[in-house]
């Protein structure tokens, strides 16, 4: 019987609760030395959590000396049991989470302080701490629409729903638009959040092959005809994890396929503000697109503000109903702050500073990893590295982990079996450029070193 930890009686982040349950079950004898643990994917399915959460938990468990990975076999409770203290800090260089950098030029803390103080002075906090209509007030939605209209002509406030982040928006869109068993198409590698949302709503994701320019039109058309999907979920700009950005001609092809097959599009524009010249697919097929623009990847994830531009008013009302049922409403103090920033130009100024920092970090990555195959976008926060054949992705991740560097393998993003032998590295997660260079040096050394692994998994 495979190990399934009990987490309900524990506090703290989910990944740490998994680790503490592992510690407790080893101590109690429920797990014994040398016992094999479930695969990352199997445990994630058993617990109903994101694969990246389990990967992070297993990484910390290995760090503490609780587990060991065996090539071609899996993860086992360590034989030595020489576990390190639980209070030991996480790896000093965690480049696994895709975060925007925070350069001084963005003045994010200063803008937060001044913006919150202005709200308190002008209207007080009480107005933003009561129950309000989900999806944002008319004024907030109108301001959001004016910002979106710079990239999508015809954006209007009565089609906008303000959600507490993209993850909530995706969950509510699936809840409103699909039924258990329905198919949603995605790129063959995709954002783990849509995988988690699909798992909870009973939606079946089907991956479509992609190349350096994004999803393949012929494959998308064939999948639409074969599976009759309820929707297609795409990240056409600075794709996560591959960094692919669709050129205009590819976007035109994809739009025509969606129109011909009468399929809805869920467009995730998390990175779009970093590449404002990229034409959203929503501008080509607005009548069938749910366009989500989040501030998590272009400013900071803690804001928890995302704007969904729906096809029409009826679609906005349906999505608002799903929002009411799931979380009632976004955090309106944050919505008020972001609305102020949209009006006074702060959002644009912050994004410009973060884009400049991303450009500088991408240049560093290009310089340090110049001898290796690396896919990157000049404005993006991450890079995608197909590994040399002598390294398996799991062994490579373990190897750099022992050097103090955390990264993510292709497993977290794969929709279908047969994951590519590749990793994603998040440049924005480093606290400084010097810290980033240390992490890149570890990567460069590992990429050119011989590996103990002989089998690619």
Protein backbone atom coordinates (compact mmCIF):
# COMPACT_ATOMS: atom_id res chain seq x y z
CA UNK A 1 0.00 0.00 0.00
CA UNK A 2 1.48 3.33 -1.03
CA UNK A 3 2.18 6.02 1.55
CA UNK A 4 -0.44 8.79 1.76
CA UNK A 5 0.39 11.35 4.47
CA UNK A 6 -2.19 12.89 6.79
CA UNK A 7 -2.00 16.67 6.45
CA UNK A 8 -5.19 18.04 8.01
CA UNK A 9 -3.75 18.25 11.53
CA UNK A 10 -0.64 20.16 10.48
CA UNK A 11 0.03 23.85 9.98
CA UNK A 12 2.22 25.76 7.54
CA UNK A 13 2.82 25.60 3.79
CA UNK A 14 1.50 22.47 2.12
CA UNK A 15 4.90 21.19 1.01
CA UNK A 16 6.26 21.46 4.55
CA UNK A 17 3.24 19.66 5.94
CA UNK A 18 4.11 16.76 3.62
CA UNK A 19 7.70 16.76 4.91
CA UNK A 20 6.60 16.89 8.57
CA UNK A 21 4.18 14.02 7.95
CA UNK A 22 7.09 12.07 6.47
CA UNK A 23 9.18 12.78 9.59
CA UNK A 24 6.33 11.67 11.87
CA UNK A 25 5.61 8.49 9.92
CA UNK A 26 9.28 7.49 9.96
CA UNK A 27 9.44 8.11 13.72
CA UNK A 28 6.25 6.12 14.37
CA UNK A 29 7.38 3.18 12.26
CA UNK A 30 4.67 3.61 9.66
CA UNK A 31 7.51 4.08 7.18
CA UNK A 32 10.64 1.97 7.52
CA UNK A 33 14.21 2.43 6.33
CA UNK A 34 14.63 1.68 2.66
CA UNK A 35 10.87 1.78 1.94
CA UNK A 36 9.97 3.11 -1.49
CA UNK A 37 7.81 6.23 -1.58
CA UNK A 38 5.16 7.05 -4.21
CA UNK A 39 6.27 8.86 -7.34
CA UNK A 40 5.82 12.63 -7.37
CA UNK A 41 2.90 12.32 -9.75
CA UNK A 42 1.18 9.51 -7.79
CA UNK A 43 1.41 11.35 -4.48
CA UNK A 44 0.15 14.58 -6.04
CA UNK A 45 -2.85 12.68 -7.42
CA UNK A 46 -3.54 10.96 -4.07
CA UNK A 47 -3.46 14.26 -2.19
CA UNK A 48 -5.18 16.30 -4.91
CA UNK A 49 -2.37 18.85 -4.99
CA UNK A 50 -0.12 20.44 -7.59
CA UNK A 51 2.82 18.32 -8.77
CA UNK A 52 5.22 21.17 -7.98
CA UNK A 53 4.13 21.05 -4.32
CA UNK A 54 5.12 17.39 -4.03
CA UNK A 55 8.36 18.02 -5.93
CA UNK A 56 9.26 20.78 -3.49
CA UNK A 57 8.41 18.53 -0.52
CA UNK A 58 10.54 15.67 -1.85
CA UNK A 59 13.37 18.09 -2.51
CA UNK A 60 13.34 19.32 1.09
CA UNK A 61 13.06 15.79 2.41
CA UNK A 62 16.15 14.82 0.44
CA UNK A 63 17.92 17.93 1.73
CA UNK A 64 17.22 16.93 5.31
CA UNK A 65 18.60 13.46 4.70
CA UNK A 66 15.19 11.79 5.08
CA UNK A 67 15.09 10.28 1.59
CA UNK A 68 17.38 9.30 -1.24
CA UNK A 69 16.81 9.05 -4.98
CA UNK A 70 18.00 5.92 -6.81
CA UNK A 71 18.60 6.10 -10.53
CA UNK A 72 15.87 4.35 -12.49
CA UNK A 73 14.13 3.14 -9.30
CA UNK A 74 12.55 6.08 -7.49
CA UNK A 75 12.61 7.75 -4.07
CA UNK A 76 13.24 5.77 -0.87
CA UNK A 77 13.38 6.44 2.86
CA UNK A 78 17.07 6.72 3.57
CA UNK A 79 18.84 3.69 5.03
CA UNK A 80 21.10 5.78 7.27
CA UNK A 81 18.37 7.90 8.91
CA UNK A 82 20.96 10.62 9.55
CA UNK A 83 18.33 13.29 9.03
CA UNK A 84 19.25 16.92 9.46
CA UNK A 85 17.28 19.19 11.77
CA UNK A 86 13.88 20.28 10.43
CA UNK A 87 14.65 23.90 11.17
CA UNK A 88 17.46 23.96 8.60
CA UNK A 89 16.73 26.62 5.95
CA UNK A 90 15.76 25.80 2.37
CA UNK A 91 18.37 25.90 -0.40
CA UNK A 92 20.10 29.29 -0.64
CA UNK A 93 19.45 29.44 -4.38
CA UNK A 94 15.85 28.52 -5.13
CA UNK A 95 15.24 29.16 -8.82
CA UNK A 96 12.20 26.89 -8.99
CA UNK A 97 9.41 29.45 -8.52
CA UNK A 98 8.71 31.74 -11.47
CA UNK A 99 8.78 35.15 -9.80
CA UNK A 100 9.31 38.63 -11.21
CA UNK A 101 12.51 40.29 -9.97
CA UNK A 102 12.14 43.32 -7.71
CA UNK A 103 14.66 45.97 -8.85
CA UNK A 104 15.09 49.13 -6.82
CA UNK A 105 13.89 51.18 -9.79
CA UNK A 106 10.42 49.64 -9.42
CA UNK A 107 10.16 51.17 -5.91
CA UNK A 108 7.52 48.58 -5.11
CA UNK A 109 7.66 48.94 -1.33
CA UNK A 110 7.59 52.71 -1.57
CA UNK A 111 4.64 52.66 -3.94
CA UNK A 112 2.81 50.20 -1.68
CA UNK A 113 3.37 52.40 1.37
CA UNK A 114 2.30 55.59 -0.37
CA UNK A 115 -0.66 54.00 -2.14
CA UNK A 116 -2.10 52.39 1.01
CA UNK A 117 -1.60 55.63 2.95
CA UNK A 118 -3.43 57.59 0.25
CA UNK A 119 -6.37 55.19 0.35
CA UNK A 120 -6.58 55.51 4.12
CA UNK A 121 -6.41 59.31 3.92
CA UNK A 122 -8.99 59.70 1.15
CA UNK A 123 -11.68 57.14 1.99
CA UNK A 124 -10.42 55.07 4.93
CA UNK A 125 -10.01 51.31 5.02
CA UNK A 126 -13.51 50.42 6.21
CA UNK A 127 -15.01 50.91 2.74
CA UNK A 128 -12.75 48.18 1.39
CA UNK A 129 -13.23 45.69 4.23
CA UNK A 130 -16.95 44.96 3.82
CA UNK A 131 -18.74 42.57 1.49
CA UNK A 132 -19.00 43.93 -2.03
CA UNK A 133 -20.14 42.72 -5.39
CA UNK A 134 -17.79 40.05 -6.77
CA UNK A 135 -15.85 40.95 -9.88
CA UNK A 136 -15.16 44.59 -8.98
CA UNK A 137 -17.16 47.81 -8.95
CA UNK A 138 -18.21 49.48 -12.19
CA UNK A 139 -15.49 52.11 -11.78
CA UNK A 140 -12.78 49.54 -11.08
CA UNK A 141 -13.80 47.45 -14.07
CA UNK A 142 -13.85 50.51 -16.31
CA UNK A 143 -10.32 51.49 -15.27
CA UNK A 144 -9.17 47.90 -15.87
CA UNK A 145 -10.81 47.89 -19.31
CA UNK A 146 -9.06 51.12 -20.28
CA UNK A 147 -5.71 49.47 -19.49
CA UNK A 148 -6.63 46.32 -21.43
CA UNK A 149 -7.94 48.36 -24.38
CA UNK A 150 -4.41 49.46 -25.20
CA UNK A 151 -3.83 45.91 -26.44
CA UNK A 152 -7.37 44.71 -27.19
CA UNK A 153 -9.55 47.19 -29.03
CA UNK A 154 -13.11 47.32 -27.78
CA UNK A 155 -12.37 46.16 -24.23
CA UNK A 156 -15.18 47.46 -22.01
CA UNK A 157 -15.81 47.36 -18.29
CA UNK A 158 -19.05 45.40 -18.55
CA UNK A 159 -17.05 42.48 -19.96
CA UNK A 160 -14.37 42.55 -17.21
CA UNK A 161 -14.34 40.38 -14.09
CA UNK A 162 -11.67 41.11 -11.46
CA UNK A 163 -10.45 37.91 -9.78
CA UNK A 164 -8.00 37.20 -6.93
CA UNK A 165 -5.25 35.96 -9.24
CA UNK A 166 -5.04 33.86 -12.39
CA UNK A 167 -5.36 30.57 -10.53
CA UNK A 168 -8.77 31.52 -9.19
CA UNK A 169 -9.77 32.85 -12.62
CA UNK A 170 -8.84 29.54 -14.29
CA UNK A 171 -10.70 27.49 -11.70
CA UNK A 172 -13.83 29.63 -12.06
CA UNK A 173 -13.69 29.55 -15.86
CA UNK A 174 -13.55 25.75 -15.83
CA UNK A 175 -16.36 25.67 -13.25
CA UNK A 176 -18.52 27.98 -15.35
CA UNK A 177 -17.77 26.61 -18.81
CA UNK A 178 -17.20 22.87 -18.43
CA UNK A 179 -18.63 19.72 -16.85
CA UNK A 180 -16.70 16.73 -15.48
CA UNK A 181 -15.34 14.67 -18.35
CA UNK A 182 -15.15 17.56 -20.80
CA UNK A 183 -11.93 18.02 -22.77
CA UNK A 184 -9.82 21.16 -22.74
CA UNK A 185 -6.85 21.34 -25.09
CA UNK A 186 -3.53 22.86 -24.00
CA UNK A 187 0.01 22.97 -25.28
CA UNK A 188 1.78 19.68 -24.53
CA UNK A 189 3.69 21.53 -21.81
CA UNK A 190 1.65 23.99 -19.80
CA UNK A 191 1.22 25.99 -16.61
CA UNK A 192 0.80 23.61 -13.63
CA UNK A 193 -2.08 25.73 -12.34
CA UNK A 194 -4.39 24.72 -15.17
CA UNK A 195 -3.53 21.09 -14.45
CA UNK A 196 -4.51 21.54 -10.81
CA UNK A 197 -7.75 23.34 -11.71
CA UNK A 198 -8.65 20.63 -14.24
CA UNK A 199 -8.01 17.88 -11.71
CA UNK A 200 -10.40 19.46 -9.21
CA UNK A 201 -13.14 20.15 -11.75
CA UNK A 202 -12.91 16.76 -13.46
CA UNK A 203 -11.80 18.22 -16.78
CA UNK A 204 -9.59 16.11 -19.03
CA UNK A 205 -6.63 18.01 -20.46
CA UNK A 206 -5.28 16.90 -23.83
CA UNK A 207 -1.88 18.20 -24.89
CA UNK A 208 -1.15 19.43 -28.41
CA UNK A 209 2.36 19.33 -29.86
CA UNK A 210 4.28 22.58 -30.07
CA UNK A 211 7.50 23.94 -31.51
CA UNK A 212 9.65 27.03 -30.90
CA UNK A 213 6.76 29.23 -32.11
CA UNK A 214 4.07 27.71 -29.89
CA UNK A 215 1.24 25.27 -30.48
CA UNK A 216 1.26 23.63 -33.93
CA UNK A 217 -1.76 24.71 -36.00
CA UNK A 218 -2.20 21.36 -37.75
CA UNK A 219 -2.07 19.53 -34.43
CA UNK A 220 -4.55 21.95 -32.87
CA UNK A 221 -6.98 21.55 -35.75
CA UNK A 222 -6.74 17.76 -35.63
CA UNK A 223 -7.25 17.72 -31.85
CA UNK A 224 -10.30 19.98 -32.15
CA UNK A 225 -11.84 17.62 -34.69
CA UNK A 226 -10.98 14.51 -32.69
CA UNK A 227 -11.91 15.59 -29.17
CA UNK A 228 -14.59 18.29 -29.66
CA UNK A 229 -13.12 20.28 -26.74
CA UNK A 230 -15.09 22.74 -24.67
CA UNK A 231 -12.15 25.16 -24.75
CA UNK A 232 -8.49 25.62 -25.64
CA UNK A 233 -6.09 27.01 -23.02
CA UNK A 234 -2.98 28.71 -24.44
CA UNK A 235 -0.09 30.89 -23.28
CA UNK A 236 0.91 32.50 -26.60
CA UNK A 237 3.35 35.06 -25.18
CA UNK A 238 6.51 33.99 -23.28
CA UNK A 239 5.10 30.52 -22.82
CA UNK A 240 5.59 28.82 -19.47
CA UNK A 241 7.82 26.82 -19.44
CA UNK A 242 9.33 26.87 -22.96
CA UNK A 243 9.44 30.71 -23.48
CA UNK A 244 7.88 30.26 -26.97
CA UNK A 245 6.12 33.37 -28.31
CA UNK A 246 3.80 32.99 -31.28
CA UNK A 247 4.66 35.17 -34.29
CA UNK A 248 1.76 37.08 -35.89
CA UNK A 249 1.26 34.55 -38.69
CA UNK A 250 0.93 31.67 -36.20
CA UNK A 251 -1.60 33.69 -34.18
CA UNK A 252 -3.68 34.25 -37.28
CA UNK A 253 -3.66 30.52 -38.03
CA UNK A 254 -4.66 29.60 -34.48
CA UNK A 255 -7.46 32.18 -34.47
CA UNK A 256 -8.85 30.80 -37.72
CA UNK A 257 -8.78 27.23 -36.36
CA UNK A 258 -10.66 28.28 -33.23
CA UNK A 259 -13.24 30.08 -35.32
CA UNK A 260 -13.65 27.21 -37.79
CA UNK A 261 -14.12 24.67 -35.00
CA UNK A 262 -16.35 26.96 -32.91
CA UNK A 263 -14.15 26.54 -29.81
CA UNK A 264 -13.70 28.88 -26.84
CA UNK A 265 -10.23 30.18 -26.03
CA UNK A 266 -8.84 30.67 -22.52
CA UNK A 267 -5.87 32.97 -23.16
CA UNK A 268 -3.40 33.32 -20.30
CA UNK A 269 -1.53 36.59 -20.77
CA UNK A 270 0.47 36.40 -17.53
CA UNK A 271 3.63 37.59 -19.31
CA UNK A 272 2.02 39.72 -22.00
CA UNK A 273 2.70 43.09 -20.34
CA UNK A 274 6.41 42.27 -20.53
CA UNK A 275 6.08 41.99 -24.34
CA UNK A 276 3.43 44.61 -25.16
CA UNK A 277 4.05 44.42 -28.92
CA UNK A 278 2.73 40.84 -29.00
CA UNK A 279 -0.83 40.90 -30.32
CA UNK A 280 -3.19 38.98 -28.00
CA UNK A 281 -5.21 36.24 -29.63
CA UNK A 282 -8.20 37.92 -28.00
CA UNK A 283 -7.81 40.80 -30.43
CA UNK A 284 -8.37 38.33 -33.31
CA UNK A 285 -11.24 36.31 -31.85
CA UNK A 286 -12.77 38.49 -29.11
CA UNK A 287 -16.16 36.86 -29.50
CA UNK A 288 -14.86 33.52 -28.17
CA UNK A 289 -11.97 34.47 -25.87
CA UNK A 290 -11.64 34.68 -22.11
CA UNK A 291 -8.51 36.80 -21.80
CA UNK A 292 -6.74 36.81 -18.42
CA UNK A 293 -4.19 39.49 -17.60
CA UNK A 294 -2.54 39.03 -14.22
CA UNK A 295 -0.14 41.21 -12.25
CA UNK A 296 1.52 38.20 -10.59
CA UNK A 297 4.28 37.75 -13.17
CA UNK A 298 4.77 41.36 -14.19
CA UNK A 299 4.62 43.00 -10.73
CA UNK A 300 4.20 40.64 -7.72
CA UNK A 301 2.14 37.50 -6.99
CA UNK A 302 1.09 38.75 -3.55
CA UNK A 303 -1.19 41.39 -5.06
CA UNK A 304 -3.63 38.65 -6.13
CA UNK A 305 -5.31 40.76 -8.80
CA UNK A 306 -6.18 39.48 -12.27
CA UNK A 307 -8.48 40.88 -14.94
CA UNK A 308 -10.59 38.59 -17.12
CA UNK A 309 -11.97 40.12 -20.32
CA UNK A 310 -14.88 37.91 -21.32
CA UNK A 311 -16.56 37.60 -24.75
CA UNK A 312 -19.72 39.47 -23.71
CA UNK A 313 -21.84 40.65 -20.77
CA UNK A 314 -23.58 37.30 -20.32
CA UNK A 315 -20.21 35.57 -20.07
CA UNK A 316 -19.09 38.14 -17.49
CA UNK A 317 -22.21 37.51 -15.41
CA UNK A 318 -21.67 33.74 -15.50
CA UNK A 319 -18.04 34.06 -14.46
CA UNK A 320 -19.01 36.49 -11.69
CA UNK A 321 -21.44 33.86 -10.39
CA UNK A 322 -18.66 31.27 -10.26
CA UNK A 323 -16.44 33.78 -8.46
CA UNK A 324 -19.18 34.40 -5.88
CA UNK A 325 -19.51 30.67 -5.26
CA UNK A 326 -15.77 30.03 -4.88
CA UNK A 327 -14.30 32.98 -2.94
CA UNK A 328 -17.15 35.53 -2.89
CA UNK A 329 -14.97 38.41 -4.06
CA UNK A 330 -11.38 39.56 -4.54
CA UNK A 331 -9.52 41.43 -1.79
CA UNK A 332 -10.85 44.89 -2.48
CA UNK A 333 -8.13 46.77 -0.64
CA UNK A 334 -5.65 45.33 -3.15
CA UNK A 335 -8.06 46.04 -6.01
CA UNK A 336 -8.30 49.66 -4.84
CA UNK A 337 -4.51 49.92 -4.74
CA UNK A 338 -4.07 48.43 -8.21
CA UNK A 339 -6.84 50.66 -9.60
CA UNK A 340 -5.00 53.69 -8.24
CA UNK A 341 -1.77 52.46 -9.82
CA UNK A 342 -3.47 51.95 -13.18
CA UNK A 343 -4.74 55.52 -13.09
CA UNK A 344 -1.54 57.25 -11.98
CA UNK A 345 0.82 55.27 -14.24
CA UNK A 346 2.49 53.27 -11.47
CA UNK A 347 1.63 49.93 -13.07
CA UNK A 348 3.37 50.90 -16.29
CA UNK A 349 6.40 52.28 -14.42
CA UNK A 350 6.78 49.16 -12.28
CA UNK A 351 6.43 46.84 -15.27
CA UNK A 352 9.00 48.88 -17.23
CA UNK A 353 11.52 48.58 -14.39
CA UNK A 354 10.90 44.85 -14.01
CA UNK A 355 11.20 44.37 -17.78
CA UNK A 356 14.57 46.17 -17.76
CA UNK A 357 15.76 43.91 -14.96
CA UNK A 358 14.51 40.84 -16.82
CA UNK A 359 16.46 41.93 -19.91
CA UNK A 360 19.63 42.28 -17.83
CA UNK A 361 19.15 38.86 -16.23
CA UNK A 362 18.47 37.19 -19.57
CA UNK A 363 21.72 38.67 -20.86
CA UNK A 364 23.57 37.21 -17.87
CA UNK A 365 22.03 33.82 -18.57
CA UNK A 366 22.99 34.07 -22.22
CA UNK A 367 26.59 34.91 -21.30
CA UNK A 368 27.06 32.23 -18.63
CA UNK A 369 25.28 29.49 -20.58
CA UNK A 370 26.50 30.51 -24.04
CA UNK A 371 27.88 27.04 -24.81
CA UNK A 372 24.63 25.26 -24.02
CA UNK A 373 21.25 24.91 -25.73
CA UNK A 374 19.00 27.34 -23.89
CA UNK A 375 15.60 28.66 -24.92
CA UNK A 376 14.81 32.10 -23.60
CA UNK A 377 12.86 35.25 -24.31
CA UNK A 378 14.69 38.56 -23.84
CA UNK A 379 11.91 39.95 -21.58
CA UNK A 380 11.00 36.75 -19.72
CA UNK A 381 11.66 35.61 -16.18
CA UNK A 382 12.64 32.03 -16.99
CA UNK A 383 14.72 29.89 -19.33
CA UNK A 384 14.13 26.38 -20.69
CA UNK A 385 17.10 24.03 -20.97
CA UNK A 386 16.98 20.74 -22.91
CA UNK A 387 19.53 18.58 -21.12
CA UNK A 388 22.49 16.73 -22.66
CA UNK A 389 21.71 13.08 -23.32
CA UNK A 390 24.01 11.83 -20.58
CA UNK A 391 21.86 13.56 -17.94
CA UNK A 392 18.35 12.51 -16.97
CA UNK A 393 16.26 15.40 -15.72
CA UNK A 394 15.70 13.80 -12.31
CA UNK A 395 19.39 13.11 -11.77
CA UNK A 396 20.33 16.57 -12.98
CA UNK A 397 17.87 18.19 -10.57
CA UNK A 398 19.26 16.09 -7.73
CA UNK A 399 22.83 16.93 -8.71
CA UNK A 400 22.35 20.70 -8.69
CA UNK A 401 20.25 20.38 -5.53
CA UNK A 402 23.30 18.93 -3.82
CA UNK A 403 25.17 22.02 -4.98
CA UNK A 404 22.51 24.19 -3.31
CA UNK A 405 20.36 25.04 -6.33
CA UNK A 406 16.65 24.24 -6.80
CA UNK A 407 15.12 24.07 -10.29
CA UNK A 408 12.03 22.40 -11.84
CA UNK A 409 11.95 19.49 -14.27
CA UNK A 410 9.62 19.06 -17.25
CA UNK A 411 7.40 16.69 -15.25
CA UNK A 412 5.63 19.59 -13.55
CA UNK A 413 4.44 20.99 -16.88
CA UNK A 414 3.71 17.90 -18.96
CA UNK A 415 0.14 17.11 -19.96
CA UNK A 416 0.91 13.86 -21.78
CA UNK A 417 3.29 10.98 -21.12
CA UNK A 418 6.78 11.12 -22.58
CA UNK A 419 8.04 14.34 -21.01
CA UNK A 420 11.02 16.03 -22.64
CA UNK A 421 14.35 15.74 -20.87
CA UNK A 422 14.47 19.40 -19.86
CA UNK A 423 14.36 21.81 -16.93
CA UNK A 424 12.99 25.28 -16.24
CA UNK A 425 15.11 27.83 -14.39
CA UNK A 426 13.53 31.00 -13.00
CA UNK A 427 15.90 33.94 -13.27
CA UNK A 428 13.60 36.35 -11.46
CA UNK A 429 13.58 34.28 -8.27
CA UNK A 430 17.17 35.23 -7.40
CA UNK A 431 17.31 38.11 -4.92
CA UNK A 432 20.12 39.81 -6.84
CA UNK A 433 22.11 39.52 -10.06
CA UNK A 434 25.15 38.29 -8.15
CA UNK A 435 23.06 35.51 -6.59
CA UNK A 436 21.73 34.67 -10.03
CA UNK A 437 25.24 34.38 -11.44
CA UNK A 438 26.17 31.93 -8.68
CA UNK A 439 23.18 29.80 -9.63
CA UNK A 440 23.98 30.02 -13.34
CA UNK A 441 27.58 29.00 -12.64
CA UNK A 442 26.30 25.87 -10.87
CA UNK A 443 24.12 25.10 -13.89
CA UNK A 444 26.94 25.66 -16.37
CA UNK A 445 29.30 23.40 -14.44
CA UNK A 446 26.68 20.67 -14.16
CA UNK A 447 25.75 20.83 -17.85
CA UNK A 448 29.32 20.25 -18.96
CA UNK A 449 30.16 17.64 -16.33
CA UNK A 450 29.84 13.88 -16.84
CA UNK A 451 26.85 12.35 -15.10
CA UNK A 452 26.43 9.21 -13.07
CA UNK A 453 23.07 8.66 -14.76
CA UNK A 454 23.05 6.57 -17.92
CA UNK A 455 19.33 6.41 -18.64
CA UNK A 456 17.10 9.27 -19.69
CA UNK A 457 13.67 9.00 -18.04
